[in-house]
Amino acid sequence: MILRGRCSLVKLAPVVTFYVFLLVVGAIGALAYLAMFMSHVPGAAEERLGKFEDLPGRLNEWVEDADLSEDGLVCERRHLMPNPSGHRLILQVRYRDPTTRDIVRVEPEVTIKRRRVRA
């Protein structure tokens, strides 16, 4: 009786393995289709995930802060967008001497990831 049960399990194992393999291949295909759809159909990602937050007002321009920094220097900031359709901005900050306008110090660039906003 025990041998008969084991024989049926041995015969059933390849069938189960085939169906599990079929499910995995189907899931990979569905994910690949979804990724292609979201990246190549205009407006598909915005409709499902939301639009990106607005860009800063003066993109690619140095903007002075109204107040001086703690050490008496003028702080200037600029947001750059290296890729026009990109999802990231680069923030650059530099400090100038208020009288000579020479650049005294530059901070390292900071990459800012734009968030999605749902309407």
N, C-alpha and C. Protein backbone atom coordinates (compact mmCIF):
# COMPACT_ATOMS: atom_id res chain seq x y z
N MET A 1 0.82 -1.19 0.00
CA MET A 1 0.00 0.00 0.00
C MET A 1 0.86 1.25 0.00
N ILE A 2 1.93 1.25 0.79
CA ILE A 2 2.80 2.42 0.87
C ILE A 2 3.55 2.60 -0.45
N LEU A 3 3.97 1.53 -1.07
CA LEU A 3 4.70 1.64 -2.33
C LEU A 3 3.82 2.21 -3.43
N ARG A 4 2.55 1.85 -3.42
CA ARG A 4 1.64 2.35 -4.46
C ARG A 4 1.49 3.89 -4.33
N GLY A 5 1.42 4.42 -3.10
CA GLY A 5 1.31 5.86 -2.87
C GLY A 5 2.55 6.60 -3.35
N ARG A 6 3.71 6.03 -3.12
CA ARG A 6 4.95 6.66 -3.55
C ARG A 6 5.07 6.67 -5.07
N CYS A 7 4.62 5.64 -5.70
CA CYS A 7 4.67 5.58 -7.15
C CYS A 7 3.81 6.66 -7.78
N SER A 8 2.64 6.93 -7.21
CA SER A 8 1.77 7.95 -7.78
C SER A 8 2.36 9.34 -7.55
N LEU A 9 3.07 9.54 -6.42
CA LEU A 9 3.73 10.83 -6.19
C LEU A 9 4.89 11.04 -7.15
N VAL A 10 5.60 9.99 -7.46
CA VAL A 10 6.72 10.09 -8.40
C VAL A 10 6.21 10.42 -9.79
N LYS A 11 5.08 9.86 -10.17
CA LYS A 11 4.50 10.16 -11.48
C LYS A 11 3.91 11.56 -11.52
N LEU A 12 3.45 12.08 -10.38
CA LEU A 12 2.81 13.38 -10.31
C LEU A 12 3.83 14.53 -10.25
N ALA A 13 5.04 14.28 -9.76
CA ALA A 13 6.05 15.32 -9.58
C ALA A 13 6.40 16.07 -10.89
N PRO A 14 6.61 15.40 -12.02
CA PRO A 14 6.93 16.14 -13.25
C PRO A 14 5.77 17.04 -13.71
N VAL A 15 4.53 16.62 -13.47
CA VAL A 15 3.37 17.41 -13.86
C VAL A 15 3.31 18.69 -13.02
N VAL A 16 3.51 18.55 -11.71
CA VAL A 16 3.49 19.71 -10.82
C VAL A 16 4.63 20.65 -11.17
N THR A 17 5.81 20.12 -11.43
CA THR A 17 6.97 20.93 -11.80
C THR A 17 6.68 21.70 -13.09
N PHE A 18 6.05 21.07 -14.05
CA PHE A 18 5.72 21.74 -15.30
C PHE A 18 4.77 22.91 -15.06
N TYR A 19 3.74 22.72 -14.25
CA TYR A 19 2.77 23.79 -14.00
C TYR A 19 3.39 24.94 -13.19
N VAL A 20 4.26 24.64 -12.26
CA VAL A 20 4.96 25.69 -11.52
C VAL A 20 5.86 26.48 -12.48
N PHE A 21 6.58 25.78 -13.34
CA PHE A 21 7.41 26.44 -14.35
C PHE A 21 6.57 27.31 -15.26
N LEU A 22 5.43 26.82 -15.66
CA LEU A 22 4.52 27.59 -16.53
C LEU A 22 4.03 28.86 -15.84
N LEU A 23 3.70 28.78 -14.56
CA LEU A 23 3.28 29.96 -13.81
C LEU A 23 4.40 30.97 -13.69
N VAL A 24 5.62 30.52 -13.45
CA VAL A 24 6.76 31.44 -13.34
C VAL A 24 7.02 32.14 -14.66
N VAL A 25 7.00 31.42 -15.75
CA VAL A 25 7.21 32.02 -17.08
C VAL A 25 6.09 33.02 -17.39
N GLY A 26 4.88 32.68 -17.05
CA GLY A 26 3.76 33.59 -17.28
C GLY A 26 3.88 34.86 -16.46
N ALA A 27 4.31 34.75 -15.20
CA ALA A 27 4.48 35.93 -14.35
C ALA A 27 5.60 36.82 -14.88
N ILE A 28 6.69 36.23 -15.33
CA ILE A 28 7.78 37.03 -15.89
C ILE A 28 7.32 37.74 -17.16
N GLY A 29 6.57 37.06 -17.99
CA GLY A 29 6.05 37.69 -19.21
C GLY A 29 5.09 38.83 -18.91
N ALA A 30 4.24 38.66 -17.92
CA ALA A 30 3.29 39.71 -17.55
C ALA A 30 4.03 40.93 -16.99
N LEU A 31 5.04 40.73 -16.18
CA LEU A 31 5.82 41.84 -15.64
C LEU A 31 6.59 42.57 -16.74
N ALA A 32 7.13 41.82 -17.70
CA ALA A 32 7.85 42.45 -18.81
C ALA A 32 6.88 43.28 -19.66
N TYR A 33 5.70 42.77 -19.91
CA TYR A 33 4.70 43.52 -20.67
C TYR A 33 4.29 44.78 -19.93
N LEU A 34 4.08 44.68 -18.63
CA LEU A 34 3.70 45.84 -17.84
C LEU A 34 4.80 46.90 -17.83
N ALA A 35 6.04 46.48 -17.71
CA ALA A 35 7.15 47.43 -17.73
C ALA A 35 7.25 48.14 -19.08
N MET A 36 7.10 47.42 -20.16
CA MET A 36 7.14 48.03 -21.50
C MET A 36 5.95 48.97 -21.69
N PHE A 37 4.79 48.58 -21.23
CA PHE A 37 3.60 49.40 -21.37
C PHE A 37 3.76 50.72 -20.63
N MET A 38 4.26 50.64 -19.37
CA MET A 38 4.41 51.86 -18.56
C MET A 38 5.47 52.80 -19.13
N SER A 39 6.50 52.26 -19.75
CA SER A 39 7.58 53.12 -20.22
C SER A 39 7.35 53.66 -21.63
N HIS A 40 6.56 53.00 -22.45
CA HIS A 40 6.43 53.42 -23.84
C HIS A 40 5.07 54.02 -24.22
N VAL A 41 4.07 53.86 -23.41
CA VAL A 41 2.76 54.44 -23.71
C VAL A 41 2.68 55.80 -23.02
N PRO A 42 2.52 56.88 -23.80
CA PRO A 42 2.49 58.21 -23.19
C PRO A 42 1.33 58.35 -22.21
N GLY A 43 1.63 58.84 -21.02
CA GLY A 43 0.61 59.09 -20.02
C GLY A 43 0.21 57.90 -19.18
N ALA A 44 0.70 56.71 -19.49
CA ALA A 44 0.28 55.52 -18.73
C ALA A 44 0.81 55.57 -17.30
N ALA A 45 2.07 55.94 -17.13
CA ALA A 45 2.64 55.99 -15.78
C ALA A 45 2.01 57.11 -14.97
N GLU A 46 1.78 58.27 -15.59
CA GLU A 46 1.19 59.39 -14.87
C GLU A 46 -0.24 59.07 -14.43
N GLU A 47 -0.96 58.35 -15.27
CA GLU A 47 -2.34 58.02 -14.96
C GLU A 47 -2.42 57.04 -13.78
N ARG A 48 -1.49 56.10 -13.72
CA ARG A 48 -1.56 55.09 -12.68
C ARG A 48 -0.76 55.43 -11.43
N LEU A 49 0.37 56.13 -11.59
CA LEU A 49 1.25 56.41 -10.45
C LEU A 49 1.20 57.85 -9.97
N GLY A 50 0.66 58.77 -10.77
CA GLY A 50 0.63 60.18 -10.42
C GLY A 50 1.68 60.97 -11.18
N LYS A 51 1.52 62.29 -11.23
CA LYS A 51 2.47 63.14 -11.93
C LYS A 51 3.61 63.51 -11.00
N PHE A 52 4.74 63.90 -11.60
CA PHE A 52 5.86 64.36 -10.81
C PHE A 52 5.56 65.75 -10.26
N GLU A 53 6.14 66.05 -9.09
CA GLU A 53 5.95 67.37 -8.51
C GLU A 53 6.53 68.42 -9.45
N ASP A 54 6.06 69.66 -9.30
CA ASP A 54 6.49 70.74 -10.19
C ASP A 54 7.99 71.00 -10.05
N LEU A 55 8.57 71.49 -11.15
CA LEU A 55 9.98 71.85 -11.14
C LEU A 55 10.17 73.18 -10.42
N PRO A 56 11.37 73.44 -9.90
CA PRO A 56 11.62 74.74 -9.29
C PRO A 56 11.42 75.85 -10.31
N GLY A 57 11.09 77.04 -9.82
CA GLY A 57 10.76 78.16 -10.70
C GLY A 57 11.87 78.55 -11.66
N ARG A 58 13.07 78.65 -11.19
CA ARG A 58 14.19 79.09 -12.03
C ARG A 58 15.18 77.95 -12.17
N LEU A 59 14.91 77.09 -13.12
CA LEU A 59 15.75 75.92 -13.36
C LEU A 59 17.00 76.36 -14.11
N ASN A 60 18.15 75.79 -13.76
CA ASN A 60 19.45 76.06 -14.38
C ASN A 60 19.96 77.48 -14.17
N GLU A 61 19.42 78.23 -13.20
CA GLU A 61 19.88 79.59 -12.92
C GLU A 61 20.31 79.67 -11.45
N TRP A 62 21.39 80.41 -11.22
CA TRP A 62 21.82 80.64 -9.84
C TRP A 62 20.87 81.63 -9.19
N VAL A 63 20.40 81.28 -7.99
CA VAL A 63 19.46 82.12 -7.25
C VAL A 63 20.09 82.42 -5.88
N GLU A 64 20.16 83.71 -5.54
CA GLU A 64 20.73 84.10 -4.25
C GLU A 64 19.69 83.99 -3.16
N ASP A 65 20.13 83.51 -1.99
CA ASP A 65 19.26 83.53 -0.82
C ASP A 65 19.15 84.97 -0.31
N ALA A 66 18.03 85.31 0.28
CA ALA A 66 17.81 86.68 0.76
C ALA A 66 18.73 87.00 1.94
N ASP A 67 18.98 86.05 2.80
CA ASP A 67 19.80 86.29 3.99
C ASP A 67 21.22 85.79 3.77
N LEU A 68 22.16 86.40 4.47
CA LEU A 68 23.54 85.93 4.44
C LEU A 68 23.65 84.67 5.28
N SER A 69 24.66 83.86 4.98
CA SER A 69 24.87 82.64 5.77
C SER A 69 25.46 83.00 7.12
N GLU A 70 25.69 82.00 7.96
CA GLU A 70 26.20 82.23 9.31
C GLU A 70 27.56 82.92 9.31
N ASP A 71 28.39 82.62 8.30
CA ASP A 71 29.72 83.21 8.25
C ASP A 71 29.77 84.47 7.38
N GLY A 72 28.61 85.05 7.05
CA GLY A 72 28.55 86.31 6.33
C GLY A 72 28.72 86.20 4.83
N LEU A 73 28.57 85.03 4.25
CA LEU A 73 28.72 84.83 2.81
C LEU A 73 27.35 84.78 2.15
N VAL A 74 27.33 85.11 0.86
CA VAL A 74 26.10 85.03 0.08
C VAL A 74 25.95 83.61 -0.44
N CYS A 75 24.82 83.01 -0.16
CA CYS A 75 24.55 81.63 -0.58
C CYS A 75 23.77 81.65 -1.90
N GLU A 76 24.27 80.93 -2.89
CA GLU A 76 23.58 80.82 -4.19
C GLU A 76 23.28 79.35 -4.43
N ARG A 77 22.09 79.09 -4.95
CA ARG A 77 21.65 77.72 -5.24
C ARG A 77 21.19 77.63 -6.70
N ARG A 78 21.36 76.44 -7.25
CA ARG A 78 20.86 76.20 -8.61
C ARG A 78 20.43 74.75 -8.72
N HIS A 79 19.27 74.55 -9.36
CA HIS A 79 18.76 73.21 -9.65
C HIS A 79 19.02 72.92 -11.12
N LEU A 80 19.61 71.76 -11.38
CA LEU A 80 19.88 71.32 -12.75
C LEU A 80 19.08 70.07 -13.04
N MET A 81 18.69 69.92 -14.29
CA MET A 81 18.02 68.70 -14.73
C MET A 81 18.84 68.13 -15.88
N PRO A 82 19.73 67.17 -15.59
CA PRO A 82 20.62 66.66 -16.63
C PRO A 82 19.88 65.93 -17.76
N ASN A 83 18.80 65.27 -17.44
CA ASN A 83 18.02 64.54 -18.44
C ASN A 83 16.63 65.19 -18.51
N PRO A 84 16.24 65.75 -19.66
CA PRO A 84 14.97 66.47 -19.74
C PRO A 84 13.75 65.64 -19.34
N SER A 85 13.78 64.35 -19.58
CA SER A 85 12.64 63.52 -19.20
C SER A 85 12.95 62.75 -17.92
N GLY A 86 13.96 63.20 -17.18
CA GLY A 86 14.43 62.46 -16.01
C GLY A 86 13.58 62.69 -14.78
N HIS A 87 13.86 61.89 -13.79
CA HIS A 87 13.13 61.94 -12.54
C HIS A 87 13.99 62.49 -11.42
N ARG A 88 15.15 63.04 -11.76
CA ARG A 88 16.07 63.52 -10.75
C ARG A 88 16.55 64.93 -11.08
N LEU A 89 16.79 65.70 -10.01
CA LEU A 89 17.37 67.03 -10.13
C LEU A 89 18.70 67.02 -9.38
N ILE A 90 19.57 67.94 -9.75
CA ILE A 90 20.83 68.11 -9.05
C ILE A 90 20.81 69.49 -8.42
N LEU A 91 21.09 69.56 -7.12
CA LEU A 91 21.15 70.82 -6.39
C LEU A 91 22.61 71.17 -6.17
N GLN A 92 23.00 72.38 -6.66
CA GLN A 92 24.35 72.88 -6.45
C GLN A 92 24.26 74.11 -5.56
N VAL A 93 25.17 74.20 -4.59
CA VAL A 93 25.20 75.33 -3.66
C VAL A 93 26.62 75.87 -3.61
N ARG A 94 26.73 77.20 -3.72
CA ARG A 94 28.04 77.83 -3.60
C ARG A 94 27.90 79.08 -2.73
N TYR A 95 29.00 79.48 -2.14
CA TYR A 95 29.02 80.65 -1.27
C TYR A 95 29.99 81.68 -1.84
N ARG A 96 29.54 82.94 -1.91
CA ARG A 96 30.35 84.03 -2.45
C ARG A 96 30.62 85.07 -1.39
N ASP A 97 31.74 85.74 -1.56
CA ASP A 97 32.05 86.88 -0.70
C ASP A 97 31.16 88.04 -1.12
N PRO A 98 30.47 88.71 -0.18
CA PRO A 98 29.52 89.76 -0.58
C PRO A 98 30.19 91.00 -1.21
N THR A 99 31.44 91.26 -0.93
CA THR A 99 32.08 92.46 -1.49
C THR A 99 32.80 92.17 -2.79
N THR A 100 33.61 91.13 -2.84
CA THR A 100 34.39 90.85 -4.06
C THR A 100 33.66 89.94 -5.04
N ARG A 101 32.61 89.27 -4.60
CA ARG A 101 31.82 88.32 -5.41
C ARG A 101 32.63 87.09 -5.84
N ASP A 102 33.75 86.86 -5.18
CA ASP A 102 34.54 85.66 -5.46
C ASP A 102 33.87 84.46 -4.79
N ILE A 103 34.00 83.30 -5.45
CA ILE A 103 33.45 82.07 -4.87
C ILE A 103 34.42 81.60 -3.79
N VAL A 104 33.89 81.49 -2.57
CA VAL A 104 34.71 81.10 -1.43
C VAL A 104 34.63 79.60 -1.18
N ARG A 105 33.43 79.06 -1.28
CA ARG A 105 33.22 77.65 -0.93
C ARG A 105 32.13 77.07 -1.82
N VAL A 106 32.28 75.80 -2.15
CA VAL A 106 31.28 75.07 -2.94
C VAL A 106 30.94 73.79 -2.20
N GLU A 107 29.66 73.55 -2.02
CA GLU A 107 29.23 72.31 -1.37
C GLU A 107 29.09 71.21 -2.41
N PRO A 108 29.19 69.94 -2.00
CA PRO A 108 29.01 68.84 -2.96
C PRO A 108 27.59 68.84 -3.54
N GLU A 109 27.50 68.37 -4.77
CA GLU A 109 26.19 68.28 -5.42
C GLU A 109 25.30 67.27 -4.70
N VAL A 110 24.01 67.58 -4.66
CA VAL A 110 23.04 66.70 -4.03
C VAL A 110 22.03 66.29 -5.10
N THR A 111 21.79 64.99 -5.25
CA THR A 111 20.80 64.50 -6.19
C THR A 111 19.45 64.42 -5.48
N ILE A 112 18.45 65.05 -6.09
CA ILE A 112 17.11 65.07 -5.52
C ILE A 112 16.19 64.25 -6.41
N LYS A 113 15.54 63.26 -5.84
CA LYS A 113 14.59 62.45 -6.60
C LYS A 113 13.23 63.12 -6.53
N ARG A 114 12.64 63.36 -7.70
CA ARG A 114 11.33 64.00 -7.74
C ARG A 114 10.26 62.99 -7.32
N ARG A 115 9.35 63.44 -6.48
CA ARG A 115 8.28 62.59 -5.98
C ARG A 115 7.07 62.68 -6.90
N ARG A 116 6.27 61.66 -6.86
CA ARG A 116 5.02 61.65 -7.62
C ARG A 116 3.90 62.19 -6.73
N VAL A 117 3.04 63.02 -7.31
CA VAL A 117 1.92 63.63 -6.59
C VAL A 117 0.65 63.15 -7.25
N ARG A 118 -0.24 62.61 -6.45
CA ARG A 118 -1.54 62.19 -6.99
C ARG A 118 -2.51 63.34 -6.93
N ALA A 119 -3.28 63.49 -7.98
CA ALA A 119 -4.24 64.60 -8.06
C ALA A 119 -5.49 64.32 -7.26
